Amino acid sequence: MGRAKRAAAEPAASSTDDDALLSLLAAGLRLQAADAVWRVSGNTLPHRALLREAGGTWNRLDQCWEFPGEDPTAKLAAAIEAIPAPAGHNSGAAAAPAPHYHGHRGRLRERVLKAGIESLPDYELLELLLFYAIERVDTKPLAKRLLERFGTLGDIFAAEPAQLREFDIDQRTLVLFRAVRESGRRLAERKVKDMPVLTNWQQLIDYCHAALAHEKTEQFRILFLDRKNVLIGDEVQQRGTIDHTPVYPREVVKRALELGAAALILVHNHPTQTG
């Protein structure tokens, strides 16, 4: 009889587990087991406090909540069921439809992780960057409008705050643009620094283009070289206006002596007066 009782109890337990799992799915949550850790992903943002109180830890890299130990399904389902319905909620009414971009951020990130980022067109790459500065809105229209206005990603990242005001760009996004631009300049600099620039002339030209191509005012930059023509410094000696910049030979020579430079390359841009 003991065996029969246990056998009869098993379907009930399975049914309870299924109900708990369905509750999680209805809340937009997905549960997976991996390496003795239970991972909850999906629509976790509205439930982040609940997931934290249930013992979960946020995994920033994999964008999921992790629960070590035993299966948290029943505990999470009970916590979700205990959430009171909003005031005036009519349980018989149909839920409001999700916005058309619901889940788009996750899908785009998943595409990048699976297929790489190289295939993304400019507007999707910009859209992806905007995810990390602008929360809970569809950033695709903004990305397309910025490209339509400025033409290239480089011109967007170099745009002045006054130019971006018409797009309601906040300080957080402006800092992101500045950081992306400076990252590109430093990556280009790494290709020519500590190398004889006269044997890497095209790389030097590419670096100067990355540093100056999108500047809206004139700059006078100095590349300082040692006796082996290795780049030891790159500095902006002067910043001017849209159509001129002053140059002071005494300051150029003084700085060259301070760095022990044996040769100089003087770089000057001519920004357009449009835009």
C-alpha atoms as a PDB file:
ATOM      1  CA  MET A   1       0.000   0.000   0.000  1.00  0.00           C
ATOM      2  CA  GLY A   2       2.933   2.319   0.761  1.00  0.00           C
ATOM      3  CA  ARG A   3       4.176   2.014  -2.804  1.00  0.00           C
ATOM      4  CA  ALA A   4       0.699   2.629  -4.178  1.00  0.00           C
ATOM      5  CA  LYS A   5       0.331   5.750  -2.082  1.00  0.00           C
ATOM      6  CA  ARG A   6       3.659   7.098  -3.281  1.00  0.00           C
ATOM      7  CA  ALA A   7       2.796   6.343  -6.893  1.00  0.00           C
ATOM      8  CA  ALA A   8      -0.502   8.143  -6.536  1.00  0.00           C
ATOM      9  CA  ALA A   9       1.204  11.147  -5.020  1.00  0.00           C
ATOM     10  CA  GLU A  10       3.727  11.568  -7.813  1.00  0.00           C
ATOM     11  CA  PRO A  11       1.287  12.818 -10.507  1.00  0.00           C
ATOM     12  CA  ALA A  12      -0.041  15.427  -8.078  1.00  0.00           C
ATOM     13  CA  ALA A  13       3.464  16.711  -7.389  1.00  0.00           C
ATOM     14  CA  SER A  14       4.181  16.832 -11.117  1.00  0.00           C
ATOM     15  CA  SER A  15       0.965  18.744 -11.681  1.00  0.00           C
ATOM     16  CA  THR A  16       1.958  21.243  -8.985  1.00  0.00           C
ATOM     17  CA  ASP A  17       5.377  21.717 -10.588  1.00  0.00           C
ATOM     18  CA  ASP A  18       3.747  22.256 -13.974  1.00  0.00           C
ATOM     19  CA  ASP A  19       1.400  24.870 -12.528  1.00  0.00           C
ATOM     20  CA  ALA A  20       4.324  26.709 -10.949  1.00  0.00           C
ATOM     21  CA  LEU A  21       6.253  26.632 -14.207  1.00  0.00           C
ATOM     22  CA  LEU A  22       3.242  27.949 -16.110  1.00  0.00           C
ATOM     23  CA  SER A  23       2.950  30.802 -13.600  1.00  0.00           C
ATOM     24  CA  LEU A  24       6.538  31.800 -14.347  1.00  0.00           C
ATOM     25  CA  LEU A  25       5.932  31.610 -18.088  1.00  0.00           C
ATOM     26  CA  ALA A  26       2.794  33.735 -17.750  1.00  0.00           C
ATOM     27  CA  ALA A  27       4.920  36.350 -15.976  1.00  0.00           C
ATOM     28  CA  GLY A  28       7.370  36.344 -18.889  1.00  0.00           C
ATOM     29  CA  LEU A  29      10.092  34.431 -17.034  1.00  0.00           C
ATOM     30  CA  ARG A  30      12.120  31.499 -18.367  1.00  0.00           C
ATOM     31  CA  LEU A  31      13.901  29.027 -16.104  1.00  0.00           C
ATOM     32  CA  GLN A  32      16.900  26.910 -17.084  1.00  0.00           C
ATOM     33  CA  ALA A  33      19.312  24.722 -15.141  1.00  0.00           C
ATOM     34  CA  ALA A  34      23.040  25.003 -15.903  1.00  0.00           C
ATOM     35  CA  ASP A  35      26.023  23.762 -13.878  1.00  0.00           C
ATOM     36  CA  ALA A  36      24.098  23.342 -10.598  1.00  0.00           C
ATOM     37  CA  VAL A  37      22.713  26.871 -10.969  1.00  0.00           C
ATOM     38  CA  TRP A  38      19.161  27.805 -11.904  1.00  0.00           C
ATOM     39  CA  ARG A  39      18.941  30.750 -14.275  1.00  0.00           C
ATOM     40  CA  VAL A  40      15.896  32.976 -14.684  1.00  0.00           C
ATOM     41  CA  SER A  41      15.759  35.196 -17.770  1.00  0.00           C
ATOM     42  CA  GLY A  42      13.124  36.961 -19.843  1.00  0.00           C
ATOM     43  CA  ASN A  43      10.980  39.812 -18.523  1.00  0.00           C
ATOM     44  CA  THR A  44      12.887  40.097 -15.250  1.00  0.00           C
ATOM     45  CA  LEU A  45      12.871  43.877 -14.827  1.00  0.00           C
ATOM     46  CA  PRO A  46       9.371  44.178 -13.256  1.00  0.00           C
ATOM     47  CA  HIS A  47      10.231  41.307 -10.900  1.00  0.00           C
ATOM     48  CA  ARG A  48      13.781  42.263  -9.928  1.00  0.00           C
ATOM     49  CA  ALA A  49      12.888  43.005  -6.276  1.00  0.00           C
ATOM     50  CA  LEU A  50      11.017  39.716  -5.971  1.00  0.00           C
ATOM     51  CA  LEU A  51      13.880  37.769  -7.553  1.00  0.00           C
ATOM     52  CA  ARG A  52      16.416  39.408  -5.252  1.00  0.00           C
ATOM     53  CA  GLU A  53      14.334  38.690  -2.146  1.00  0.00           C
ATOM     54  CA  ALA A  54      14.018  35.058  -3.245  1.00  0.00           C
ATOM     55  CA  GLY A  55      17.798  34.705  -3.113  1.00  0.00           C
ATOM     56  CA  GLY A  56      18.693  35.445  -6.706  1.00  0.00           C
ATOM     57  CA  THR A  57      21.876  37.142  -7.877  1.00  0.00           C
ATOM     58  CA  TRP A  58      21.981  39.248 -11.037  1.00  0.00           C
ATOM     59  CA  ASN A  59      24.463  38.012 -13.674  1.00  0.00           C
ATOM     60  CA  ARG A  60      25.344  41.128 -15.676  1.00  0.00           C
ATOM     61  CA  LEU A  61      27.253  39.248 -18.355  1.00  0.00           C
ATOM     62  CA  ASP A  62      24.533  36.718 -19.197  1.00  0.00           C
ATOM     63  CA  GLN A  63      21.672  39.095 -18.277  1.00  0.00           C
ATOM     64  CA  CYS A  64      19.869  36.665 -15.995  1.00  0.00           C
ATOM     65  CA  TRP A  65      19.158  35.952 -12.317  1.00  0.00           C
ATOM     66  CA  GLU A  66      20.975  32.971 -10.827  1.00  0.00           C
ATOM     67  CA  PHE A  67      19.810  30.721  -7.994  1.00  0.00           C
ATOM     68  CA  PRO A  68      22.233  28.165  -6.571  1.00  0.00           C
ATOM     69  CA  GLY A  69      20.968  24.981  -4.951  1.00  0.00           C
ATOM     70  CA  GLU A  70      17.469  23.620  -5.282  1.00  0.00           C
ATOM     71  CA  ASP A  71      14.916  24.406  -7.965  1.00  0.00           C
ATOM     72  CA  PRO A  72      13.370  27.832  -7.148  1.00  0.00           C
ATOM     73  CA  THR A  73      10.320  27.356  -9.396  1.00  0.00           C
ATOM     74  CA  ALA A  74       7.752  26.767  -6.640  1.00  0.00           C
ATOM     75  CA  LYS A  75       9.104  29.583  -4.449  1.00  0.00           C
ATOM     76  CA  LEU A  76       9.094  32.092  -7.300  1.00  0.00           C
ATOM     77  CA  ALA A  77       5.631  31.074  -8.489  1.00  0.00           C
ATOM     78  CA  ALA A  78       4.231  31.490  -4.969  1.00  0.00           C
ATOM     79  CA  ALA A  79       5.814  34.928  -4.684  1.00  0.00           C
ATOM     80  CA  ILE A  80       4.368  36.003  -8.031  1.00  0.00           C
ATOM     81  CA  GLU A  81       0.914  34.700  -7.100  1.00  0.00           C
ATOM     82  CA  ALA A  82       1.086  36.699  -3.859  1.00  0.00           C
ATOM     83  CA  ILE A  83       1.553  40.005  -5.691  1.00  0.00           C
ATOM     84  CA  PRO A  84      -1.690  41.994  -5.259  1.00  0.00           C
ATOM     85  CA  ALA A  85      -3.554  42.966  -8.379  1.00  0.00           C
ATOM     86  CA  PRO A  86      -3.449  46.684  -9.270  1.00  0.00           C
ATOM     87  CA  ALA A  87      -6.340  48.809  -8.017  1.00  0.00           C
ATOM     88  CA  GLY A  88      -9.291  48.668 -10.369  1.00  0.00           C
ATOM     89  CA  HIS A  89      -7.885  45.623 -12.144  1.00  0.00           C
ATOM     90  CA  ASN A  90     -10.501  43.569 -13.929  1.00  0.00           C
ATOM     91  CA  SER A  91      -9.258  39.997 -14.096  1.00  0.00           C
ATOM     92  CA  GLY A  92     -11.578  39.307 -16.984  1.00  0.00           C
ATOM     93  CA  ALA A  93     -10.199  42.106 -19.139  1.00  0.00           C
ATOM     94  CA  ALA A  94      -7.657  41.353 -21.816  1.00  0.00           C
ATOM     95  CA  ALA A  95      -4.118  42.421 -21.061  1.00  0.00           C
ATOM     96  CA  ALA A  96      -2.862  45.479 -22.868  1.00  0.00           C
ATOM     97  CA  PRO A  97      -0.886  44.517 -25.959  1.00  0.00           C
ATOM     98  CA  ALA A  98       2.879  44.770 -25.623  1.00  0.00           C
ATOM     99  CA  PRO A  99       4.553  47.533 -27.652  1.00  0.00           C
ATOM    100  CA  HIS A 100       5.912  46.462 -31.041  1.00  0.00           C
ATOM    101  CA  TYR A 101       9.507  46.743 -29.813  1.00  0.00           C
ATOM    102  CA  HIS A 102       8.917  44.492 -26.782  1.00  0.00           C
ATOM    103  CA  GLY A 103      11.858  42.085 -26.480  1.00  0.00           C
ATOM    104  CA  HIS A 104      13.729  43.752 -29.360  1.00  0.00           C
ATOM    105  CA  ARG A 105      16.770  44.659 -27.258  1.00  0.00           C
ATOM    106  CA  GLY A 106      17.233  41.089 -26.134  1.00  0.00           C
ATOM    107  CA  ARG A 107      16.862  39.791 -29.685  1.00  0.00           C
ATOM    108  CA  LEU A 108      19.427  42.246 -31.047  1.00  0.00           C
ATOM    109  CA  ARG A 109      21.930  41.392 -28.308  1.00  0.00           C
ATOM    110  CA  GLU A 110      21.375  37.694 -29.008  1.00  0.00           C
ATOM    111  CA  ARG A 111      22.066  38.260 -32.725  1.00  0.00           C
ATOM    112  CA  VAL A 112      25.351  39.942 -31.894  1.00  0.00           C
ATOM    113  CA  LEU A 113      26.419  37.151 -29.551  1.00  0.00           C
ATOM    114  CA  LYS A 114      25.546  34.422 -32.060  1.00  0.00           C
ATOM    115  CA  ALA A 115      26.466  35.971 -35.415  1.00  0.00           C
ATOM    116  CA  GLY A 116      28.857  38.789 -34.524  1.00  0.00           C
ATOM    117  CA  ILE A 117      28.485  42.545 -34.760  1.00  0.00           C
ATOM    118  CA  GLU A 118      30.185  43.065 -38.119  1.00  0.00           C
ATOM    119  CA  SER A 119      27.004  42.499 -40.149  1.00  0.00           C
ATOM    120  CA  LEU A 120      24.959  45.178 -38.355  1.00  0.00           C
ATOM    121  CA  PRO A 121      24.130  48.226 -40.484  1.00  0.00           C
ATOM    122  CA  ASP A 122      25.048  51.614 -39.033  1.00  0.00           C
ATOM    123  CA  TYR A 123      21.578  52.326 -37.646  1.00  0.00           C
ATOM    124  CA  GLU A 124      21.456  49.027 -35.734  1.00  0.00           C
ATOM    125  CA  LEU A 125      24.961  49.535 -34.349  1.00  0.00           C
ATOM    126  CA  LEU A 126      23.959  52.989 -33.145  1.00  0.00           C
ATOM    127  CA  GLU A 127      20.685  51.613 -31.818  1.00  0.00           C
ATOM    128  CA  LEU A 128      22.629  48.999 -29.855  1.00  0.00           C
ATOM    129  CA  LEU A 129      24.844  51.672 -28.306  1.00  0.00           C
ATOM    130  CA  LEU A 130      21.816  53.757 -27.369  1.00  0.00           C
ATOM    131  CA  PHE A 131      20.427  50.793 -25.389  1.00  0.00           C
ATOM    132  CA  TYR A 132      23.043  51.535 -22.739  1.00  0.00           C
ATOM    133  CA  ALA A 133      22.149  55.201 -22.375  1.00  0.00           C
ATOM    134  CA  ILE A 134      18.377  55.310 -22.921  1.00  0.00           C
ATOM    135  CA  GLU A 135      16.083  52.959 -21.030  1.00  0.00           C
ATOM    136  CA  ARG A 136      12.738  51.404 -21.913  1.00  0.00           C
ATOM    137  CA  VAL A 137      12.078  53.101 -25.246  1.00  0.00           C
ATOM    138  CA  ASP A 138      12.503  52.110 -28.862  1.00  0.00           C
ATOM    139  CA  THR A 139      15.835  53.670 -29.910  1.00  0.00           C
ATOM    140  CA  LYS A 140      15.658  52.660 -33.580  1.00  0.00           C
ATOM    141  CA  PRO A 141      13.800  55.814 -34.750  1.00  0.00           C
ATOM    142  CA  LEU A 142      16.318  58.013 -32.919  1.00  0.00           C
ATOM    143  CA  ALA A 143      19.262  56.141 -34.464  1.00  0.00           C
ATOM    144  CA  LYS A 144      17.834  56.600 -37.961  1.00  0.00           C
ATOM    145  CA  ARG A 145      17.091  60.292 -37.390  1.00  0.00           C
ATOM    146  CA  LEU A 146      20.633  60.929 -36.141  1.00  0.00           C
ATOM    147  CA  LEU A 147      22.150  59.229 -39.182  1.00  0.00           C
ATOM    148  CA  GLU A 148      19.834  61.139 -41.499  1.00  0.00           C
ATOM    149  CA  ARG A 149      20.885  64.422 -39.880  1.00  0.00           C
ATOM    150  CA  PHE A 150      24.643  63.877 -39.521  1.00  0.00           C
ATOM    151  CA  GLY A 151      25.410  61.283 -42.191  1.00  0.00           C
ATOM    152  CA  THR A 152      27.968  59.054 -40.436  1.00  0.00           C
ATOM    153  CA  LEU A 153      28.559  57.514 -37.028  1.00  0.00           C
ATOM    154  CA  GLY A 154      31.738  59.557 -36.655  1.00  0.00           C
ATOM    155  CA  ASP A 155      29.886  62.819 -37.240  1.00  0.00           C
ATOM    156  CA  ILE A 156      27.249  61.822 -34.679  1.00  0.00           C
ATOM    157  CA  PHE A 157      29.832  61.052 -32.007  1.00  0.00           C
ATOM    158  CA  ALA A 158      31.629  64.353 -32.733  1.00  0.00           C
ATOM    159  CA  ALA A 159      28.472  66.492 -32.813  1.00  0.00           C
ATOM    160  CA  GLU A 160      28.291  69.417 -30.420  1.00  0.00           C
ATOM    161  CA  PRO A 161      25.669  69.457 -27.626  1.00  0.00           C
ATOM    162  CA  ALA A 162      23.867  72.338 -29.334  1.00  0.00           C
ATOM    163  CA  GLN A 163      23.503  70.250 -32.502  1.00  0.00           C
ATOM    164  CA  LEU A 164      22.116  67.307 -30.532  1.00  0.00           C
ATOM    165  CA  ARG A 165      19.607  69.415 -28.604  1.00  0.00           C
ATOM    166  CA  GLU A 166      16.922  68.980 -31.251  1.00  0.00           C
ATOM    167  CA  PHE A 167      17.039  65.225 -30.591  1.00  0.00           C
ATOM    168  CA  ASP A 168      16.619  65.602 -26.802  1.00  0.00           C
ATOM    169  CA  ILE A 169      19.978  63.925 -26.238  1.00  0.00           C
ATOM    170  CA  ASP A 170      20.693  63.894 -22.500  1.00  0.00           C
ATOM    171  CA  GLN A 171      24.036  64.117 -20.705  1.00  0.00           C
ATOM    172  CA  ARG A 172      24.251  60.346 -20.303  1.00  0.00           C
ATOM    173  CA  THR A 173      24.012  59.795 -24.056  1.00  0.00           C
ATOM    174  CA  LEU A 174      26.376  62.690 -24.776  1.00  0.00           C
ATOM    175  CA  VAL A 175      29.014  61.139 -22.502  1.00  0.00           C
ATOM    176  CA  LEU A 176      28.528  57.804 -24.292  1.00  0.00           C
ATOM    177  CA  PHE A 177      29.160  59.461 -27.673  1.00  0.00           C
ATOM    178  CA  ARG A 178      32.305  61.139 -26.354  1.00  0.00           C
ATOM    179  CA  ALA A 179      33.575  57.858 -24.895  1.00  0.00           C
ATOM    180  CA  VAL A 180      32.978  55.937 -28.135  1.00  0.00           C
ATOM    181  CA  ARG A 181      34.786  58.577 -30.170  1.00  0.00           C
ATOM    182  CA  GLU A 182      37.787  58.675 -27.844  1.00  0.00           C
ATOM    183  CA  SER A 183      37.908  54.856 -27.821  1.00  0.00           C
ATOM    184  CA  GLY A 184      38.153  54.876 -31.606  1.00  0.00           C
ATOM    185  CA  ARG A 185      40.943  57.445 -31.534  1.00  0.00           C
ATOM    186  CA  ARG A 186      42.948  55.454 -28.997  1.00  0.00           C
ATOM    187  CA  LEU A 187      42.531  52.228 -30.953  1.00  0.00           C
ATOM    188  CA  ALA A 188      43.855  53.977 -34.047  1.00  0.00           C
ATOM    189  CA  GLU A 189      46.718  55.488 -32.034  1.00  0.00           C
ATOM    190  CA  ARG A 190      47.739  52.053 -30.791  1.00  0.00           C
ATOM    191  CA  LYS A 191      48.483  50.988 -34.364  1.00  0.00           C
ATOM    192  CA  VAL A 192      51.104  53.702 -34.846  1.00  0.00           C
ATOM    193  CA  LYS A 193      52.461  54.229 -31.354  1.00  0.00           C
ATOM    194  CA  ASP A 194      55.814  52.591 -30.585  1.00  0.00           C
ATOM    195  CA  MET A 195      56.263  51.834 -34.303  1.00  0.00           C
ATOM    196  CA  PRO A 196      58.396  53.652 -36.913  1.00  0.00           C
ATOM    197  CA  VAL A 197      55.746  55.849 -38.508  1.00  0.00           C
ATOM    198  CA  LEU A 198      57.617  56.270 -41.784  1.00  0.00           C
ATOM    199  CA  THR A 199      57.249  52.530 -42.415  1.00  0.00           C
ATOM    200  CA  ASN A 200      53.536  52.688 -41.474  1.00  0.00           C
ATOM    201  CA  TRP A 201      52.558  55.792 -43.394  1.00  0.00           C
ATOM    202  CA  GLN A 202      49.040  54.629 -44.256  1.00  0.00           C
ATOM    203  CA  GLN A 203      48.356  53.718 -40.643  1.00  0.00           C
ATOM    204  CA  LEU A 204      49.551  57.191 -39.640  1.00  0.00           C
ATOM    205  CA  ILE A 205      47.200  58.787 -42.161  1.00  0.00           C
ATOM    206  CA  ASP A 206      44.338  56.604 -40.900  1.00  0.00           C
ATOM    207  CA  TYR A 207      45.107  57.655 -37.342  1.00  0.00           C
ATOM    208  CA  CYS A 208      45.129  61.356 -38.233  1.00  0.00           C
ATOM    209  CA  HIS A 209      41.845  60.881 -40.056  1.00  0.00           C
ATOM    210  CA  ALA A 210      40.293  59.218 -36.986  1.00  0.00           C
ATOM    211  CA  ALA A 211      41.545  62.012 -34.740  1.00  0.00           C
ATOM    212  CA  LEU A 212      40.590  64.993 -36.903  1.00  0.00           C
ATOM    213  CA  ALA A 213      38.089  64.057 -39.590  1.00  0.00           C
ATOM    214  CA  HIS A 214      34.990  64.997 -37.580  1.00  0.00           C
ATOM    215  CA  GLU A 215      36.325  68.037 -35.726  1.00  0.00           C
ATOM    216  CA  LYS A 216      34.108  71.103 -36.158  1.00  0.00           C
ATOM    217  CA  THR A 217      36.906  73.607 -35.414  1.00  0.00           C
ATOM    218  CA  GLU A 218      40.467  73.842 -36.685  1.00  0.00           C
ATOM    219  CA  GLN A 219      43.168  72.039 -34.732  1.00  0.00           C
ATOM    220  CA  PHE A 220      46.932  72.103 -34.885  1.00  0.00           C
ATOM    221  CA  ARG A 221      48.310  68.761 -33.692  1.00  0.00           C
ATOM    222  CA  ILE A 222      51.934  67.760 -33.276  1.00  0.00           C
ATOM    223  CA  LEU A 223      53.207  64.198 -33.574  1.00  0.00           C
ATOM    224  CA  PHE A 224      56.529  63.856 -31.742  1.00  0.00           C
ATOM    225  CA  LEU A 225      59.015  61.227 -33.009  1.00  0.00           C
ATOM    226  CA  ASP A 226      62.228  59.855 -31.541  1.00  0.00           C
ATOM    227  CA  ARG A 227      65.462  59.147 -33.450  1.00  0.00           C
ATOM    228  CA  LYS A 228      63.993  55.921 -34.839  1.00  0.00           C
ATOM    229  CA  ASN A 229      60.890  57.746 -36.111  1.00  0.00           C
ATOM    230  CA  VAL A 230      58.773  56.078 -33.425  1.00  0.00           C
ATOM    231  CA  LEU A 231      55.761  58.072 -32.232  1.00  0.00           C
ATOM    232  CA  ILE A 232      56.317  59.150 -28.623  1.00  0.00           C
ATOM    233  CA  GLY A 233      53.567  61.722 -28.327  1.00  0.00           C
ATOM    234  CA  ASP A 234      50.522  63.259 -30.003  1.00  0.00           C
ATOM    235  CA  GLU A 235      49.242  66.548 -28.643  1.00  0.00           C
ATOM    236  CA  VAL A 236      46.828  69.259 -29.671  1.00  0.00           C
ATOM    237  CA  GLN A 237      48.987  72.382 -29.664  1.00  0.00           C
ATOM    238  CA  GLN A 238      46.134  74.787 -30.406  1.00  0.00           C
ATOM    239  CA  ARG A 239      42.395  74.784 -31.016  1.00  0.00           C
ATOM    240  CA  GLY A 240      40.997  77.535 -33.181  1.00  0.00           C
ATOM    241  CA  THR A 241      37.693  78.561 -34.711  1.00  0.00           C
ATOM    242  CA  ILE A 242      35.899  77.107 -37.688  1.00  0.00           C
ATOM    243  CA  ASP A 243      38.354  78.650 -40.168  1.00  0.00           C
ATOM    244  CA  HIS A 244      41.668  79.415 -38.434  1.00  0.00           C
ATOM    245  CA  THR A 245      43.950  78.415 -35.567  1.00  0.00           C
ATOM    246  CA  PRO A 246      47.002  80.237 -34.195  1.00  0.00           C
ATOM    247  CA  VAL A 247      50.416  78.514 -34.153  1.00  0.00           C
ATOM    248  CA  TYR A 248      53.264  79.529 -31.836  1.00  0.00           C
ATOM    249  CA  PRO A 249      56.645  78.143 -33.008  1.00  0.00           C
ATOM    250  CA  ARG A 250      58.254  78.895 -29.651  1.00  0.00           C
ATOM    251  CA  GLU A 251      55.744  76.607 -27.869  1.00  0.00           C
ATOM    252  CA  VAL A 252      56.255  73.872 -30.458  1.00  0.00           C
ATOM    253  CA  VAL A 253      60.040  73.885 -29.999  1.00  0.00           C
ATOM    254  CA  LYS A 254      59.730  74.070 -26.211  1.00  0.00           C
ATOM    255  CA  ARG A 255      57.479  71.021 -26.063  1.00  0.00           C
ATOM    256  CA  ALA A 256      59.703  69.067 -28.468  1.00  0.00           C
ATOM    257  CA  LEU A 257      62.707  69.678 -26.201  1.00  0.00           C
ATOM    258  CA  GLU A 258      60.719  68.611 -23.137  1.00  0.00           C
ATOM    259  CA  LEU A 259      59.850  65.272 -24.780  1.00  0.00           C
ATOM    260  CA  GLY A 260      63.278  64.765 -26.292  1.00  0.00           C
ATOM    261  CA  ALA A 261      61.792  64.544 -29.770  1.00  0.00           C
ATOM    262  CA  ALA A 262      64.135  64.215 -32.744  1.00  0.00           C
ATOM    263  CA  ALA A 263      61.495  64.955 -35.391  1.00  0.00           C
ATOM    264  CA  LEU A 264      57.994  66.411 -35.678  1.00  0.00           C
ATOM    265  CA  ILE A 265      54.986  65.870 -37.898  1.00  0.00           C
ATOM    266  CA  LEU A 266      52.626  68.837 -37.936  1.00  0.00           C
ATOM    267  CA  VAL A 267      48.973  68.041 -38.626  1.00  0.00           C
ATOM    268  CA  HIS A 268      46.282  70.588 -39.452  1.00  0.00           C
ATOM    269  CA  ASN A 269      42.647  70.072 -40.422  1.00  0.00           C
ATOM    270  CA  HIS A 270      40.181  72.128 -42.441  1.00  0.00           C
ATOM    271  CA  PRO A 271      36.669  71.467 -41.110  1.00  0.00           C
ATOM    272  CA  THR A 272      33.684  72.164 -43.318  1.00  0.00           C
ATOM    273  CA  GLN A 273      31.525  75.129 -42.504  1.00  0.00           C
ATOM    274  CA  THR A 274      28.258  73.266 -43.065  1.00  0.00           C
ATOM    275  CA  GLY A 275      26.128  71.571 -40.397  1.00  0.00           C
END
